Amino acid sequence: LDGKDVGEVKRAKDDGRLPVEDHNTRIVVVGADAEAARYVAEALTREAFHNVGFFAGSFATVQKALSVSER
């Protein structure tokens, strides 16, 4: 959801999935596609997280790259 302290971002802050004690912790967002990842990254920056980036590829691309690097 758009706005501050709303939706899934608020729930993630409340349940500990996001580092609320250190807003400078590096966060990299991966989504179904670049547009989805960018949307979430922008939502996190509205919540005062300062070190947020996003991967401009798909989650499947990340999974494939990780499986190759594990070999």
C-alpha atoms as a PDB file:
ATOM      1  CA  LEU A   1       0.000   0.000   0.000  1.00  0.00           C
ATOM      2  CA  ASP A   2       1.091   3.553  -0.604  1.00  0.00           C
ATOM      3  CA  GLY A   3       1.794   5.709   2.425  1.00  0.00           C
ATOM      4  CA  LYS A   4       3.796   5.360   5.634  1.00  0.00           C
ATOM      5  CA  ASP A   5       3.191   2.727   8.318  1.00  0.00           C
ATOM      6  CA  VAL A   6       0.618   0.801   6.287  1.00  0.00           C
ATOM      7  CA  GLY A   7       0.183  -2.643   4.789  1.00  0.00           C
ATOM      8  CA  GLU A   8       2.808  -5.364   4.599  1.00  0.00           C
ATOM      9  CA  VAL A   9       5.705  -2.998   5.327  1.00  0.00           C
ATOM     10  CA  LYS A  10       4.154  -2.064   8.674  1.00  0.00           C
ATOM     11  CA  ARG A  11       3.548  -5.745   9.470  1.00  0.00           C
ATOM     12  CA  ALA A  12       7.170  -6.545   8.575  1.00  0.00           C
ATOM     13  CA  LYS A  13       8.390  -3.799  10.900  1.00  0.00           C
ATOM     14  CA  ASP A  14       6.132  -5.017  13.692  1.00  0.00           C
ATOM     15  CA  ASP A  15       6.992  -8.726  13.403  1.00  0.00           C
ATOM     16  CA  GLY A  16      10.765  -8.289  13.076  1.00  0.00           C
ATOM     17  CA  ARG A  17      11.290  -9.076   9.383  1.00  0.00           C
ATOM     18  CA  LEU A  18      12.728  -5.584   8.920  1.00  0.00           C
ATOM     19  CA  PRO A  19      15.629  -4.205  10.988  1.00  0.00           C
ATOM     20  CA  VAL A  20      13.825  -1.467  12.917  1.00  0.00           C
ATOM     21  CA  GLU A  21      16.790  -0.862  15.242  1.00  0.00           C
ATOM     22  CA  ASP A  22      19.139   0.031  12.342  1.00  0.00           C
ATOM     23  CA  HIS A  23      17.575   1.757   9.364  1.00  0.00           C
ATOM     24  CA  ASN A  24      20.985   1.814   7.636  1.00  0.00           C
ATOM     25  CA  THR A  25      21.085  -1.990   7.293  1.00  0.00           C
ATOM     26  CA  ARG A  26      21.528  -2.923   3.621  1.00  0.00           C
ATOM     27  CA  ILE A  27      18.288  -4.246   2.144  1.00  0.00           C
ATOM     28  CA  VAL A  28      18.144  -5.709  -1.361  1.00  0.00           C
ATOM     29  CA  VAL A  29      14.672  -6.324  -2.756  1.00  0.00           C
ATOM     30  CA  VAL A  30      13.999  -9.060  -5.306  1.00  0.00           C
ATOM     31  CA  GLY A  31      10.568  -9.397  -6.868  1.00  0.00           C
ATOM     32  CA  ALA A  32       8.698 -11.204  -9.582  1.00  0.00           C
ATOM     33  CA  ASP A  33      10.055  -8.542 -11.941  1.00  0.00           C
ATOM     34  CA  ALA A  34      11.927  -5.223 -11.780  1.00  0.00           C
ATOM     35  CA  GLU A  35       8.721  -3.178 -11.450  1.00  0.00           C
ATOM     36  CA  ALA A  36       7.553  -5.136  -8.386  1.00  0.00           C
ATOM     37  CA  ALA A  37      10.975  -4.958  -6.745  1.00  0.00           C
ATOM     38  CA  ARG A  38      11.241  -1.211  -7.339  1.00  0.00           C
ATOM     39  CA  TYR A  39       7.769  -0.658  -5.847  1.00  0.00           C
ATOM     40  CA  VAL A  40       8.729  -2.477  -2.637  1.00  0.00           C
ATOM     41  CA  ALA A  41      12.113  -0.707  -2.451  1.00  0.00           C
ATOM     42  CA  GLU A  42      10.381   2.662  -2.752  1.00  0.00           C
ATOM     43  CA  ALA A  43       7.897   1.683  -0.036  1.00  0.00           C
ATOM     44  CA  LEU A  44      10.807   0.827   2.264  1.00  0.00           C
ATOM     45  CA  THR A  45      12.493   4.168   1.655  1.00  0.00           C
ATOM     46  CA  ARG A  46       9.256   5.918   2.662  1.00  0.00           C
ATOM     47  CA  GLU A  47       9.636   4.088   5.996  1.00  0.00           C
ATOM     48  CA  ALA A  48      13.040   5.759   6.553  1.00  0.00           C
ATOM     49  CA  PHE A  49      15.194   2.803   5.506  1.00  0.00           C
ATOM     50  CA  HIS A  50      18.203   4.529   3.966  1.00  0.00           C
ATOM     51  CA  ASN A  51      20.168   1.724   2.348  1.00  0.00           C
ATOM     52  CA  VAL A  52      17.663   0.037   0.029  1.00  0.00           C
ATOM     53  CA  GLY A  53      18.292  -1.269  -3.464  1.00  0.00           C
ATOM     54  CA  PHE A  54      16.463  -3.573  -5.816  1.00  0.00           C
ATOM     55  CA  PHE A  55      17.462  -6.221  -8.325  1.00  0.00           C
ATOM     56  CA  ALA A  56      16.172  -5.327 -11.777  1.00  0.00           C
ATOM     57  CA  GLY A  57      15.661  -8.941 -12.801  1.00  0.00           C
ATOM     58  CA  SER A  58      13.246 -11.641 -11.819  1.00  0.00           C
ATOM     59  CA  PHE A  59      13.285 -13.852  -8.744  1.00  0.00           C
ATOM     60  CA  ALA A  60      13.776 -16.813 -11.094  1.00  0.00           C
ATOM     61  CA  THR A  61      16.985 -15.194 -12.397  1.00  0.00           C
ATOM     62  CA  VAL A  62      18.311 -14.829  -8.855  1.00  0.00           C
ATOM     63  CA  GLN A  63      17.414 -18.436  -8.033  1.00  0.00           C
ATOM     64  CA  LYS A  64      19.200 -19.638 -11.153  1.00  0.00           C
ATOM     65  CA  ALA A  65      22.312 -17.573 -10.390  1.00  0.00           C
ATOM     66  CA  LEU A  66      22.409 -18.854  -6.809  1.00  0.00           C
ATOM     67  CA  SER A  67      22.022 -22.480  -7.872  1.00  0.00           C
ATOM     68  CA  VAL A  68      24.923 -22.095 -10.334  1.00  0.00           C
ATOM     69  CA  SER A  69      27.143 -20.479  -7.689  1.00  0.00           C
ATOM     70  CA  GLU A  70      26.486 -23.354  -5.252  1.00  0.00           C
ATOM     71  CA  ARG A  71      28.030 -25.903  -7.632  1.00  0.00           C
END
